[in-house]
């Protein structure tokens, strides 16, 4: 599963593993776009592209963010509940 929007606890609650090595991948980490691109490249190289993406409490997609671009081009909204959205491939 891929969780966006500062919700790393979702992996524990759903008994799933993150697509990245990190359970949390905030955009403001040092390394910014380059780090997030490296995380995405690694996920794709390891063939860990998840079927679902949970998005929560996010102010919106940033067009410069490689992870956000990937989600927008490979996933579509399936369900919405409160502050969370479920997107699928």
Protein backbone atom coordinates (compact mmCIF):
# COMPACT_ATOMS: atom_id res chain seq x y z
CA UNK A 1 0.00 0.00 0.00
CA UNK A 2 1.03 3.57 -0.57
CA UNK A 3 -0.06 6.06 2.09
CA UNK A 4 0.21 9.80 1.42
CA UNK A 5 -0.56 12.68 3.73
CA UNK A 6 1.19 11.99 7.04
CA UNK A 7 -0.71 8.79 7.87
CA UNK A 8 1.96 6.11 8.53
CA UNK A 9 -0.28 4.40 11.11
CA UNK A 10 -2.46 3.14 8.23
CA UNK A 11 0.09 0.37 7.56
CA UNK A 12 -0.33 -0.98 11.07
CA UNK A 13 -4.11 -0.70 11.01
CA UNK A 14 -4.38 -2.53 7.68
CA UNK A 15 -1.59 -5.04 8.36
CA UNK A 16 0.18 -4.05 5.15
CA UNK A 17 3.73 -3.12 4.25
CA UNK A 18 4.70 0.24 2.76
CA UNK A 19 5.74 0.44 -0.88
CA UNK A 20 8.77 2.48 0.19
CA UNK A 21 11.37 1.62 2.81
CA UNK A 22 9.86 4.47 4.84
CA UNK A 23 6.39 4.48 6.38
CA UNK A 24 6.42 8.24 6.27
CA UNK A 25 7.59 10.32 3.31
CA UNK A 26 6.88 13.99 4.02
CA UNK A 27 7.69 16.35 1.18
CA UNK A 28 9.62 18.71 3.47
CA UNK A 29 12.42 16.20 4.23
CA UNK A 30 15.94 17.29 3.36
CA UNK A 31 16.56 16.15 -0.17
CA UNK A 32 13.12 17.28 -1.35
CA UNK A 33 12.25 16.33 -4.91
CA UNK A 34 15.49 14.39 -5.49
CA UNK A 35 14.91 12.17 -2.45
CA UNK A 36 11.27 11.56 -3.36
CA UNK A 37 12.27 10.67 -6.94
CA UNK A 38 14.86 8.21 -5.59
CA UNK A 39 12.19 6.64 -3.35
CA UNK A 40 9.83 6.28 -6.32
CA UNK A 41 12.59 4.86 -8.56
CA UNK A 42 13.49 2.32 -5.88
CA UNK A 43 9.85 1.26 -5.44
CA UNK A 44 9.52 0.69 -9.19
CA UNK A 45 12.85 -1.15 -9.45
CA UNK A 46 11.81 -3.52 -6.64
CA UNK A 47 8.44 -4.02 -8.35
CA UNK A 48 6.61 -2.89 -5.21
CA UNK A 49 3.96 -0.83 -7.00
CA UNK A 50 0.94 -1.14 -4.73
CA UNK A 51 -2.59 -1.78 -5.91
CA UNK A 52 -4.02 0.86 -3.57
CA UNK A 53 -3.12 4.31 -2.35
CA UNK A 54 -4.67 5.91 0.74
CA UNK A 55 -4.57 9.70 0.81
CA UNK A 56 -5.30 11.61 3.97
CA UNK A 57 -5.12 15.15 5.27
CA UNK A 58 -3.18 16.40 2.29
CA UNK A 59 -3.61 20.00 1.17
CA UNK A 60 -3.45 18.96 -2.48
CA UNK A 61 -1.23 17.46 -5.09
CA UNK A 62 1.97 19.30 -5.94
CA UNK A 63 2.87 19.04 -9.65
CA UNK A 64 6.61 19.14 -8.87
CA UNK A 65 6.42 16.11 -6.56
CA UNK A 66 7.33 12.88 -8.40
CA UNK A 67 5.28 10.70 -6.04
CA UNK A 68 2.20 12.88 -6.52
CA UNK A 69 2.66 12.80 -10.31
CA UNK A 70 2.93 9.01 -10.19
CA UNK A 71 -0.29 8.68 -8.17
CA UNK A 72 -2.18 11.04 -10.47
CA UNK A 73 -1.10 9.15 -13.58
CA UNK A 74 -1.53 5.57 -12.30
CA UNK A 75 -4.40 5.65 -9.79
CA UNK A 76 -8.05 6.73 -9.74
CA UNK A 77 -10.32 7.56 -6.77
CA UNK A 78 -12.41 4.62 -5.55
CA UNK A 79 -13.89 5.78 -2.24
CA UNK A 80 -13.95 8.78 0.07
CA UNK A 81 -14.56 8.74 3.82
CA UNK A 82 -14.06 11.81 5.98
CA UNK A 83 -10.49 13.01 5.57
CA UNK A 84 -9.38 9.94 3.65
CA UNK A 85 -9.58 8.79 0.04
CA UNK A 86 -8.88 5.35 -1.37
CA UNK A 87 -7.40 5.26 -4.86
CA UNK A 88 -6.82 2.14 -6.95
CA UNK A 89 -4.85 1.16 -10.05
